[in-house]
Each structure stands twice: as C-alpha cells, then as structure tokens.
C-alpha cells in the first residue's frame, strides 16, 4: 500500500490587533524563526528535545525527539532532519526517514503602501508536507481524518505560539540578546566552512 501524504499550510499576520510598541518587524520575526531551527521545543510543545548533530549556521542536521502532543509520531519517536535556512526567508526541515517536510516562512502581504509599512506588517507561514510509510492510516478511515485534523490544528497553534513567544522576547529584551549573541559568535553556532 502506498504511504499516506497530506499537505497543509497556514499564514498568520504577526501584528494584527497589537499595540504599536509590541509590533514585530520582519527582521524580528526572522530572528525568532532562526532560533526555532535549533531549539524547536521552545516553539512546539510536542518536541521533547533537539540535538544538532553536524553542520554550520544555515545548513545542519538535527535529531528531534517527539514528546506528548505529536499528531502521528508516538512519544519518544526520534527523527533525523536535514535543516536549511534561506536567510531572511524560510526554514526547511526534511525528515530523512520519510521525506516529510516542515517549512516556516517569513514574508509580507500585498496591502502595505510602502516598504516601511511592509516591515511593520510581516506574515509568518507554516507548511507541513506529511509523508507516512508503513504506519499509514487506511484511506478514508477515522485515523486518517484524525491526522488531517491534528495537523491543521497543530499548524495553527504553532503559528500563534511562535508569534506570541517572539513578541514576548521582544518585550523582555531576549530578542536583542539573541541578536547580540549571534553578532558576537557566542550563540553556540559555528559558521559553515
């Protein structure tokens, strides 16, 4: 039986309904996405742990372990992922075992009248390209519907939580500290040779 696949994507406006001093710029949103590439558990409660195994600053291999709250992966499931960061645009994590992909992208909408307005009106998108093998649900089954519902819900929750966390970091100074650590090379990330 061929494996089950499911693709879903959502986009959130980062600054809808927030006070002016709480608005995130695209650059601030990107700084948070970069942090999430190496520390996904800070953004997704179902990620129990993450270890960077090899690589440099924009391309590396990580092992994540799924905890409670994963949709189809059981608690304790380990996944090796190839991660690529296209600077100031997207994070792509590809799971080696299945080929499943997670992409998080920072961008703009089309409504701003100027580039300055665009900077203060960033969007965050999340795309899941789920690929399952022998553990695929039966087509049309309740298990299949539960996976679809679960991934939709998870994508929305991660977007909301990510924007909220990055905004909290902006307000409490953590985001500036991350930028400083990156510039000083004290963030534990080595540049690619």
N, C-alpha and C. Protein backbone atom coordinates (compact mmCIF):
# COMPACT_ATOMS: atom_id res chain seq x y z
N UNK A 1 0.85 -1.18 0.00
CA UNK A 1 0.00 0.00 0.00
C UNK A 1 0.89 1.24 0.00
N UNK A 2 0.65 2.19 -0.91
CA UNK A 2 1.44 3.43 -0.90
C UNK A 2 1.17 4.20 0.38
N UNK A 3 2.18 4.98 0.81
CA UNK A 3 2.06 5.73 2.05
C UNK A 3 1.08 6.88 1.94
N UNK A 4 0.59 7.30 3.09
CA UNK A 4 -0.32 8.42 3.21
C UNK A 4 0.47 9.72 3.11
N UNK A 5 -0.03 10.66 2.35
CA UNK A 5 0.56 12.00 2.27
C UNK A 5 -0.52 13.03 2.53
N UNK A 6 -0.11 14.13 3.12
CA UNK A 6 -1.04 15.22 3.38
C UNK A 6 -0.25 16.52 3.45
N UNK A 7 -0.71 17.52 2.72
CA UNK A 7 -0.07 18.84 2.69
C UNK A 7 -1.04 19.88 3.24
N UNK A 8 -0.51 20.76 4.10
CA UNK A 8 -1.33 21.82 4.65
C UNK A 8 -0.44 23.03 4.94
N UNK A 9 -1.00 24.22 4.79
CA UNK A 9 -0.26 25.44 5.09
C UNK A 9 -1.18 26.51 5.64
N UNK A 10 -0.64 27.28 6.56
CA UNK A 10 -1.38 28.40 7.14
C UNK A 10 -0.46 29.61 7.23
N UNK A 11 -1.06 30.79 7.26
CA UNK A 11 -0.33 32.04 7.39
C UNK A 11 -1.01 32.89 8.45
N UNK A 12 -0.20 33.55 9.27
CA UNK A 12 -0.74 34.44 10.30
C UNK A 12 -0.13 35.84 10.11
N UNK A 13 -0.95 36.85 10.31
CA UNK A 13 -0.48 38.24 10.32
C UNK A 13 0.11 38.47 11.70
N UNK A 14 1.38 38.82 11.77
CA UNK A 14 2.07 38.88 13.05
C UNK A 14 1.58 40.00 13.96
N UNK A 15 1.08 41.10 13.40
CA UNK A 15 0.79 42.27 14.23
C UNK A 15 -0.68 42.65 14.30
N UNK A 16 -1.55 41.78 13.93
CA UNK A 16 -2.98 42.13 13.96
C UNK A 16 -3.43 42.36 15.41
N UNK A 17 -3.96 43.55 15.66
CA UNK A 17 -4.56 43.85 16.95
C UNK A 17 -3.60 44.09 18.10
N UNK A 18 -2.32 44.36 17.82
CA UNK A 18 -1.38 44.59 18.92
C UNK A 18 -1.04 46.07 19.05
N UNK A 19 -0.61 46.46 20.24
CA UNK A 19 -0.22 47.84 20.49
C UNK A 19 1.03 48.17 19.67
N UNK A 20 1.20 49.44 19.28
CA UNK A 20 2.34 49.82 18.44
C UNK A 20 3.69 49.39 19.00
N UNK A 21 3.89 49.48 20.30
CA UNK A 21 5.18 49.11 20.89
C UNK A 21 5.42 47.60 20.87
N UNK A 22 4.38 46.82 20.63
CA UNK A 22 4.51 45.37 20.58
C UNK A 22 4.66 44.83 19.16
N UNK A 23 4.59 45.71 18.17
CA UNK A 23 4.67 45.25 16.78
C UNK A 23 6.02 44.64 16.48
N UNK A 24 5.99 43.54 15.77
CA UNK A 24 7.21 42.87 15.33
C UNK A 24 7.56 43.31 13.92
N UNK A 25 8.84 43.49 13.66
CA UNK A 25 9.29 43.72 12.29
C UNK A 25 9.54 42.37 11.64
N UNK A 26 9.71 42.36 10.35
CA UNK A 26 10.05 41.12 9.66
C UNK A 26 11.37 40.57 10.17
N UNK A 27 12.34 41.47 10.42
CA UNK A 27 13.65 41.05 10.92
C UNK A 27 13.54 40.39 12.29
N UNK A 28 12.69 40.92 13.16
CA UNK A 28 12.49 40.32 14.48
C UNK A 28 11.82 38.96 14.37
N UNK A 29 10.85 38.86 13.50
CA UNK A 29 10.18 37.58 13.28
C UNK A 29 11.18 36.55 12.76
N UNK A 30 12.05 36.96 11.83
CA UNK A 30 13.06 36.05 11.29
C UNK A 30 14.04 35.61 12.38
N UNK A 31 14.43 36.51 13.26
CA UNK A 31 15.34 36.15 14.34
C UNK A 31 14.74 35.02 15.18
N UNK A 32 13.44 35.09 15.42
CA UNK A 32 12.77 34.03 16.17
C UNK A 32 12.73 32.72 15.40
N UNK A 33 12.47 32.78 14.10
CA UNK A 33 12.46 31.57 13.28
C UNK A 33 13.83 30.90 13.31
N UNK A 34 14.89 31.70 13.19
CA UNK A 34 16.24 31.13 13.25
C UNK A 34 16.48 30.42 14.58
N UNK A 35 16.04 31.02 15.66
CA UNK A 35 16.18 30.39 16.98
C UNK A 35 15.43 29.05 17.00
N UNK A 36 14.25 29.04 16.42
CA UNK A 36 13.44 27.82 16.40
C UNK A 36 14.05 26.68 15.62
N UNK A 37 14.93 26.99 14.67
CA UNK A 37 15.57 25.93 13.88
C UNK A 37 16.42 25.03 14.77
N UNK A 38 17.08 25.60 15.75
CA UNK A 38 17.95 24.83 16.66
C UNK A 38 17.29 24.50 17.99
N UNK A 39 16.21 25.19 18.29
CA UNK A 39 15.51 25.00 19.56
C UNK A 39 13.99 24.89 19.31
N UNK A 40 13.56 23.91 18.51
CA UNK A 40 12.14 23.84 18.16
C UNK A 40 11.22 23.58 19.36
N UNK A 41 11.74 22.99 20.42
CA UNK A 41 10.93 22.74 21.60
C UNK A 41 10.46 24.01 22.29
N UNK A 42 11.15 25.13 22.05
CA UNK A 42 10.70 26.40 22.62
C UNK A 42 9.43 26.89 21.93
N UNK A 43 9.19 26.40 20.73
CA UNK A 43 8.05 26.85 19.92
C UNK A 43 6.96 25.79 19.79
N UNK A 44 7.32 24.54 19.93
CA UNK A 44 6.38 23.43 19.73
C UNK A 44 6.47 22.48 20.91
N UNK A 45 5.44 22.46 21.73
CA UNK A 45 5.49 21.68 22.97
C UNK A 45 5.62 20.18 22.72
N UNK A 46 5.28 19.72 21.52
CA UNK A 46 5.40 18.28 21.24
C UNK A 46 6.84 17.86 20.94
N UNK A 47 7.77 18.81 20.81
CA UNK A 47 9.17 18.46 20.61
C UNK A 47 9.83 18.36 21.98
N UNK A 48 10.19 17.14 22.35
CA UNK A 48 10.75 16.86 23.66
C UNK A 48 12.20 17.32 23.77
N UNK A 49 12.98 17.10 22.69
CA UNK A 49 14.37 17.52 22.70
C UNK A 49 14.86 17.69 21.26
N UNK A 50 15.98 18.41 21.14
CA UNK A 50 16.61 18.61 19.84
C UNK A 50 18.11 18.67 20.04
N UNK A 51 18.83 17.90 19.24
CA UNK A 51 20.28 17.90 19.27
C UNK A 51 20.79 18.17 17.87
N UNK A 52 21.63 19.20 17.71
CA UNK A 52 22.25 19.45 16.42
C UNK A 52 23.43 18.49 16.31
N UNK A 53 23.41 17.66 15.27
CA UNK A 53 24.41 16.60 15.11
C UNK A 53 25.62 17.05 14.31
N UNK A 54 25.40 17.89 13.30
CA UNK A 54 26.50 18.35 12.46
C UNK A 54 26.04 19.53 11.62
N UNK A 55 27.01 20.19 10.98
CA UNK A 55 26.68 21.28 10.07
C UNK A 55 27.09 22.63 10.58
N UNK A 56 26.63 23.65 9.87
CA UNK A 56 27.01 25.02 10.18
C UNK A 56 25.82 25.86 10.57
N UNK A 57 25.90 27.14 10.29
CA UNK A 57 24.87 28.07 10.76
C UNK A 57 23.58 28.00 9.94
N UNK A 58 23.67 27.79 8.63
CA UNK A 58 22.47 27.80 7.78
C UNK A 58 22.07 26.44 7.24
N UNK A 59 22.91 25.44 7.46
CA UNK A 59 22.59 24.11 6.97
C UNK A 59 23.17 23.12 7.98
N UNK A 60 22.30 22.30 8.56
CA UNK A 60 22.76 21.37 9.59
C UNK A 60 21.81 20.19 9.70
N UNK A 61 22.24 19.21 10.48
CA UNK A 61 21.44 18.01 10.74
C UNK A 61 21.06 18.03 12.21
N UNK A 62 19.78 17.81 12.49
CA UNK A 62 19.33 17.77 13.88
C UNK A 62 18.56 16.48 14.13
N UNK A 63 18.56 16.07 15.38
CA UNK A 63 17.72 14.96 15.81
C UNK A 63 16.70 15.53 16.78
N UNK A 64 15.43 15.34 16.47
CA UNK A 64 14.39 15.76 17.40
C UNK A 64 13.73 14.50 17.95
N UNK A 65 13.28 14.62 19.18
CA UNK A 65 12.52 13.54 19.82
C UNK A 65 11.15 14.10 20.13
N UNK A 66 10.14 13.39 19.67
CA UNK A 66 8.75 13.81 19.86
C UNK A 66 8.28 13.39 21.25
N UNK A 67 7.60 14.30 21.93
CA UNK A 67 7.01 14.01 23.23
C UNK A 67 5.50 13.96 23.10
N UNK A 68 4.82 14.29 24.17
CA UNK A 68 3.36 14.32 24.15
C UNK A 68 2.87 15.40 23.18
N UNK A 69 1.79 15.13 22.51
CA UNK A 69 1.18 16.12 21.64
C UNK A 69 1.52 15.98 20.18
N UNK A 70 2.37 15.01 19.81
CA UNK A 70 2.63 14.77 18.40
C UNK A 70 1.38 14.21 17.74
N UNK A 71 1.21 14.47 16.46
CA UNK A 71 -0.01 14.03 15.78
C UNK A 71 0.05 12.56 15.41
N UNK A 72 1.07 12.19 14.65
CA UNK A 72 1.14 10.79 14.22
C UNK A 72 2.34 10.05 14.81
N UNK A 73 3.34 10.78 15.25
CA UNK A 73 4.53 10.16 15.83
C UNK A 73 4.29 9.93 17.32
N UNK A 74 4.70 8.78 17.78
CA UNK A 74 4.48 8.42 19.17
C UNK A 74 5.51 9.08 20.09
N UNK A 75 5.13 9.24 21.35
CA UNK A 75 6.01 9.79 22.37
C UNK A 75 7.33 9.01 22.38
N UNK A 76 8.44 9.73 22.27
CA UNK A 76 9.75 9.10 22.26
C UNK A 76 10.31 8.83 20.87
N UNK A 77 9.53 9.08 19.82
CA UNK A 77 9.97 8.86 18.44
C UNK A 77 11.09 9.84 18.09
N UNK A 78 12.19 9.31 17.61
CA UNK A 78 13.34 10.11 17.19
C UNK A 78 13.29 10.32 15.68
N UNK A 79 13.58 11.53 15.24
CA UNK A 79 13.61 11.85 13.81
C UNK A 79 14.88 12.62 13.49
N UNK A 80 15.59 12.19 12.46
CA UNK A 80 16.75 12.92 11.96
C UNK A 80 16.26 13.81 10.83
N UNK A 81 16.61 15.09 10.91
CA UNK A 81 16.16 16.06 9.91
C UNK A 81 17.34 16.86 9.36
N UNK A 82 17.30 17.06 8.05
CA UNK A 82 18.21 17.98 7.38
C UNK A 82 17.53 19.35 7.40
N UNK A 83 18.22 20.34 7.95
CA UNK A 83 17.64 21.68 8.11
C UNK A 83 18.41 22.66 7.24
N UNK A 84 17.67 23.50 6.54
CA UNK A 84 18.26 24.54 5.71
C UNK A 84 17.56 25.85 6.02
N UNK A 85 18.34 26.90 6.24
CA UNK A 85 17.81 28.25 6.44
C UNK A 85 18.18 29.11 5.26
N UNK A 86 17.19 29.59 4.54
CA UNK A 86 17.43 30.58 3.50
C UNK A 86 17.30 31.93 4.19
N UNK A 87 18.42 32.61 4.39
CA UNK A 87 18.47 33.78 5.25
C UNK A 87 17.37 34.78 4.95
N UNK A 88 16.70 35.20 5.99
CA UNK A 88 15.62 36.20 5.94
C UNK A 88 14.40 35.75 5.16
N UNK A 89 14.24 34.45 4.96
CA UNK A 89 13.08 33.97 4.20
C UNK A 89 12.42 32.73 4.79
N UNK A 90 13.14 31.59 4.83
CA UNK A 90 12.47 30.38 5.30
C UNK A 90 13.42 29.39 5.97
N UNK A 91 12.79 28.53 6.75
CA UNK A 91 13.43 27.38 7.37
C UNK A 91 12.78 26.15 6.75
N UNK A 92 13.59 25.19 6.31
CA UNK A 92 13.08 23.95 5.75
C UNK A 92 13.72 22.79 6.51
N UNK A 93 12.90 21.94 7.11
CA UNK A 93 13.38 20.75 7.81
C UNK A 93 12.79 19.53 7.10
N UNK A 94 13.68 18.65 6.60
CA UNK A 94 13.26 17.45 5.88
C UNK A 94 13.63 16.23 6.71
N UNK A 95 12.64 15.42 7.01
CA UNK A 95 12.86 14.20 7.79
C UNK A 95 13.43 13.13 6.87
N UNK A 96 14.59 12.62 7.24
CA UNK A 96 15.29 11.66 6.38
C UNK A 96 14.51 10.38 6.16
N UNK A 97 13.91 9.83 7.19
CA UNK A 97 13.23 8.53 7.10
C UNK A 97 12.06 8.55 6.11
N UNK A 98 11.28 9.62 6.13
CA UNK A 98 10.05 9.64 5.33
C UNK A 98 10.07 10.62 4.17
N UNK A 99 10.92 11.66 4.25
CA UNK A 99 10.88 12.72 3.26
C UNK A 99 9.88 13.81 3.61
N UNK A 100 9.20 13.69 4.75
CA UNK A 100 8.25 14.73 5.18
C UNK A 100 9.00 16.04 5.39
N UNK A 101 8.31 17.15 5.13
CA UNK A 101 8.94 18.46 5.22
C UNK A 101 8.10 19.41 6.07
N UNK A 102 8.81 20.26 6.80
CA UNK A 102 8.20 21.36 7.53
C UNK A 102 8.91 22.63 7.06
N UNK A 103 8.13 23.60 6.63
CA UNK A 103 8.69 24.87 6.17
C UNK A 103 8.03 25.99 6.96
N UNK A 104 8.86 26.89 7.49
CA UNK A 104 8.35 28.10 8.14
C UNK A 104 8.94 29.28 7.38
N UNK A 105 8.07 30.17 6.94
CA UNK A 105 8.48 31.27 6.06
C UNK A 105 8.02 32.61 6.62
N UNK A 106 8.91 33.60 6.53
CA UNK A 106 8.60 34.96 6.92
C UNK A 106 8.42 35.77 5.64
N UNK A 107 7.36 36.56 5.57
CA UNK A 107 7.11 37.33 4.35
C UNK A 107 6.26 38.55 4.61
N UNK A 108 5.81 39.12 3.53
CA UNK A 108 4.99 40.32 3.55
C UNK A 108 3.64 40.04 2.91
N UNK A 109 2.69 40.93 3.20
CA UNK A 109 1.42 40.92 2.49
C UNK A 109 1.49 41.91 1.34
N UNK A 110 0.41 42.05 0.63
CA UNK A 110 0.38 42.93 -0.54
C UNK A 110 -0.36 44.24 -0.28
N UNK A 111 -0.75 44.49 0.96
CA UNK A 111 -1.59 45.65 1.24
C UNK A 111 -0.84 46.90 1.65
N UNK A 112 0.42 46.79 2.04
CA UNK A 112 1.16 47.96 2.53
C UNK A 112 1.45 48.94 1.39
N UNK A 113 1.42 50.20 1.74
CA UNK A 113 1.64 51.25 0.73
C UNK A 113 3.11 51.54 0.51
N UNK A 114 3.99 51.13 1.45
CA UNK A 114 5.41 51.42 1.32
C UNK A 114 6.23 50.28 1.93
N UNK A 115 7.52 50.28 1.63
CA UNK A 115 8.40 49.28 2.22
C UNK A 115 8.48 49.43 3.73
N UNK A 116 8.43 50.65 4.23
CA UNK A 116 8.47 50.88 5.66
C UNK A 116 7.25 50.24 6.33
N UNK A 117 6.08 50.40 5.72
CA UNK A 117 4.87 49.78 6.26
C UNK A 117 4.96 48.26 6.19
N UNK A 118 5.54 47.73 5.13
CA UNK A 118 5.70 46.29 5.00
C UNK A 118 6.52 45.71 6.13
N UNK A 119 7.61 46.42 6.50
CA UNK A 119 8.48 45.94 7.59
C UNK A 119 7.70 45.75 8.88
N UNK A 120 6.70 46.58 9.10
CA UNK A 120 5.91 46.51 10.32
C UNK A 120 4.64 45.67 10.14
N UNK A 121 4.54 44.97 9.03
CA UNK A 121 3.35 44.13 8.79
C UNK A 121 3.77 42.77 8.23
N UNK A 122 4.64 42.06 8.98
CA UNK A 122 5.10 40.77 8.48
C UNK A 122 4.08 39.65 8.68
N UNK A 123 4.24 38.62 7.91
CA UNK A 123 3.42 37.42 7.97
C UNK A 123 4.33 36.23 8.28
N UNK A 124 3.79 35.26 8.98
CA UNK A 124 4.51 34.02 9.24
C UNK A 124 3.67 32.88 8.70
N UNK A 125 4.30 32.03 7.89
CA UNK A 125 3.60 30.89 7.28
C UNK A 125 4.25 29.59 7.72
N UNK A 126 3.43 28.56 7.84
CA UNK A 126 3.91 27.23 8.18
C UNK A 126 3.27 26.24 7.22
N UNK A 127 4.12 25.38 6.64
CA UNK A 127 3.66 24.37 5.70
C UNK A 127 4.13 23.00 6.19
N UNK A 128 3.22 22.06 6.23
CA UNK A 128 3.57 20.67 6.52
C UNK A 128 3.35 19.85 5.26
N UNK A 129 4.34 19.06 4.91
CA UNK A 129 4.22 18.09 3.83
C UNK A 129 4.45 16.72 4.49
N UNK A 130 3.37 16.14 4.97
CA UNK A 130 3.44 14.89 5.71
C UNK A 130 3.55 13.71 4.74
N UNK A 131 4.47 12.81 5.05
CA UNK A 131 4.63 11.57 4.29
C UNK A 131 4.74 10.45 5.31
N UNK A 132 3.86 9.49 5.22
CA UNK A 132 3.90 8.34 6.12
C UNK A 132 4.14 7.07 5.31
N UNK A 133 4.79 6.12 5.90
CA UNK A 133 5.11 4.85 5.23
C UNK A 133 4.20 3.73 5.68
N UNK A 134 4.79 2.71 6.25
CA UNK A 134 4.04 1.52 6.66
C UNK A 134 3.05 1.80 7.77
N UNK A 135 3.23 2.90 8.49
CA UNK A 135 2.30 3.24 9.57
C UNK A 135 1.15 4.13 9.09
N UNK A 136 0.92 4.15 7.77
CA UNK A 136 -0.14 4.98 7.19
C UNK A 136 -1.52 4.48 7.62
N UNK A 137 -2.44 5.42 7.81
CA UNK A 137 -3.81 5.01 8.11
C UNK A 137 -4.50 4.48 6.85
N UNK A 138 -5.57 3.75 7.05
CA UNK A 138 -6.37 3.28 5.93
C UNK A 138 -7.05 4.48 5.26
N UNK A 139 -7.07 4.52 3.92
CA UNK A 139 -7.73 5.63 3.22
C UNK A 139 -9.19 5.76 3.66
N UNK A 140 -9.58 7.00 3.96
CA UNK A 140 -10.96 7.28 4.35
C UNK A 140 -11.31 6.92 5.78
N UNK A 141 -10.34 6.42 6.53
CA UNK A 141 -10.60 5.96 7.90
C UNK A 141 -10.67 7.14 8.87
N UNK A 142 -11.19 6.84 10.06
CA UNK A 142 -11.21 7.84 11.12
C UNK A 142 -9.79 8.24 11.51
N UNK A 143 -8.87 7.27 11.48
CA UNK A 143 -7.46 7.57 11.79
C UNK A 143 -6.90 8.60 10.80
N UNK A 144 -7.23 8.45 9.52
CA UNK A 144 -6.78 9.42 8.52
C UNK A 144 -7.37 10.80 8.80
N UNK A 145 -8.66 10.85 9.10
CA UNK A 145 -9.31 12.13 9.41
C UNK A 145 -8.70 12.76 10.66
N UNK A 146 -8.35 11.94 11.64
CA UNK A 146 -7.74 12.47 12.87
C UNK A 146 -6.37 13.08 12.59
N UNK A 147 -5.60 12.46 11.71
CA UNK A 147 -4.29 13.00 11.35
C UNK A 147 -4.45 14.34 10.64
N UNK A 148 -5.38 14.41 9.72
CA UNK A 148 -5.62 15.67 9.00
C UNK A 148 -6.05 16.76 9.97
N UNK A 149 -7.01 16.46 10.82
CA UNK A 149 -7.48 17.43 11.81
C UNK A 149 -6.34 17.83 12.75
N UNK A 150 -5.56 16.86 13.17
CA UNK A 150 -4.45 17.12 14.08
C UNK A 150 -3.39 18.03 13.48
N UNK A 151 -3.04 17.78 12.21
CA UNK A 151 -2.01 18.62 11.57
C UNK A 151 -2.52 20.03 11.33
N UNK A 152 -3.78 20.17 10.97
CA UNK A 152 -4.33 21.52 10.80
C UNK A 152 -4.29 22.28 12.11
N UNK A 153 -4.73 21.64 13.16
CA UNK A 153 -4.75 22.27 14.48
C UNK A 153 -3.33 22.59 14.95
N UNK A 154 -2.41 21.65 14.76
CA UNK A 154 -1.02 21.86 15.18
C UNK A 154 -0.39 23.03 14.44
N UNK A 155 -0.60 23.13 13.14
CA UNK A 155 -0.02 24.22 12.35
C UNK A 155 -0.52 25.58 12.86
N UNK A 156 -1.81 25.69 13.10
CA UNK A 156 -2.36 26.95 13.59
C UNK A 156 -1.80 27.29 14.97
N UNK A 157 -1.72 26.29 15.84
CA UNK A 157 -1.23 26.53 17.20
C UNK A 157 0.23 26.95 17.19
N UNK A 158 1.05 26.29 16.38
CA UNK A 158 2.46 26.65 16.33
C UNK A 158 2.66 28.07 15.81
N UNK A 159 1.89 28.47 14.81
CA UNK A 159 1.99 29.84 14.32
C UNK A 159 1.63 30.85 15.41
N UNK A 160 0.51 30.62 16.07
CA UNK A 160 0.08 31.54 17.12
C UNK A 160 1.09 31.59 18.26
N UNK A 161 1.55 30.41 18.70
CA UNK A 161 2.51 30.35 19.80
C UNK A 161 3.85 30.97 19.42
N UNK A 162 4.29 30.76 18.18
CA UNK A 162 5.58 31.31 17.74
C UNK A 162 5.56 32.83 17.73
N UNK A 163 4.52 33.40 17.15
CA UNK A 163 4.42 34.86 17.12
C UNK A 163 4.34 35.41 18.54
N UNK A 164 3.57 34.74 19.39
CA UNK A 164 3.44 35.18 20.78
C UNK A 164 4.77 35.12 21.53
N UNK A 165 5.52 34.04 21.34
CA UNK A 165 6.81 33.89 22.01
C UNK A 165 7.81 34.93 21.52
N UNK A 166 7.87 35.13 20.22
CA UNK A 166 8.81 36.12 19.67
C UNK A 166 8.45 37.52 20.17
N UNK A 167 7.16 37.80 20.25
CA UNK A 167 6.73 39.10 20.77
C UNK A 167 7.14 39.25 22.25
N UNK A 168 6.96 38.20 23.03
CA UNK A 168 7.39 38.23 24.44
C UNK A 168 8.88 38.49 24.53
N UNK A 169 9.66 37.81 23.69
CA UNK A 169 11.11 38.03 23.67
C UNK A 169 11.46 39.47 23.32
N UNK A 170 10.70 40.05 22.40
CA UNK A 170 10.96 41.46 22.04
C UNK A 170 10.72 42.35 23.26
N UNK A 171 9.61 42.11 23.94
CA UNK A 171 9.23 42.98 25.05
C UNK A 171 10.14 42.81 26.26
N UNK A 172 10.69 41.60 26.48
CA UNK A 172 11.53 41.40 27.66
C UNK A 172 13.03 41.49 27.38
N UNK A 173 13.40 41.84 26.12
CA UNK A 173 14.80 42.03 25.77
C UNK A 173 15.53 40.78 25.29
N UNK A 174 14.91 39.64 25.35
CA UNK A 174 15.55 38.38 24.93
C UNK A 174 15.91 38.41 23.45
N UNK A 175 15.07 38.98 22.62
CA UNK A 175 15.33 39.03 21.17
C UNK A 175 16.60 39.82 20.88
N UNK A 176 16.77 40.96 21.54
CA UNK A 176 18.00 41.75 21.37
C UNK A 176 19.22 40.97 21.84
N UNK A 177 19.07 40.21 22.91
CA UNK A 177 20.17 39.39 23.41
C UNK A 177 20.56 38.32 22.39
N UNK A 178 19.58 37.71 21.72
CA UNK A 178 19.87 36.70 20.69
C UNK A 178 20.64 37.31 19.53
N UNK A 179 20.25 38.51 19.11
CA UNK A 179 20.96 39.21 18.03
C UNK A 179 22.39 39.50 18.46
N UNK A 180 22.56 39.98 19.68
CA UNK A 180 23.90 40.29 20.20
C UNK A 180 24.77 39.03 20.24
N UNK A 181 24.22 37.93 20.73
CA UNK A 181 24.96 36.67 20.79
C UNK A 181 25.37 36.21 19.39
N UNK A 182 24.49 36.37 18.44
CA UNK A 182 24.80 35.97 17.06
C UNK A 182 25.95 36.80 16.50
N UNK A 183 25.89 38.11 16.71
CA UNK A 183 26.95 39.01 16.22
C UNK A 183 28.29 38.73 16.88
N UNK A 184 28.26 38.40 18.17
CA UNK A 184 29.49 38.14 18.91
C UNK A 184 30.00 36.71 18.74
N UNK A 185 29.15 35.86 18.14
CA UNK A 185 29.53 34.46 17.98
C UNK A 185 29.46 33.67 19.26
N UNK A 186 28.64 34.13 20.20
CA UNK A 186 28.51 33.44 21.48
C UNK A 186 27.21 32.66 21.59
N UNK A 187 26.56 32.40 20.45
CA UNK A 187 25.28 31.69 20.46
C UNK A 187 25.44 30.19 20.25
N UNK A 188 26.68 29.71 20.24
CA UNK A 188 26.92 28.27 20.09
C UNK A 188 26.80 27.77 18.67
N UNK A 189 26.63 28.67 17.69
CA UNK A 189 26.52 28.27 16.30
C UNK A 189 27.82 28.61 15.60
N UNK A 190 28.40 27.62 14.93
CA UNK A 190 29.61 27.87 14.18
C UNK A 190 29.27 28.10 12.72
N UNK A 191 29.93 29.03 12.12
CA UNK A 191 29.70 29.33 10.70
C UNK A 191 30.21 28.16 9.85
N UNK A 192 29.58 28.00 8.71
CA UNK A 192 29.99 26.94 7.78
C UNK A 192 31.32 27.28 7.17
N UNK A 193 32.14 26.26 7.03
CA UNK A 193 33.48 26.46 6.44
C UNK A 193 33.41 26.57 4.94
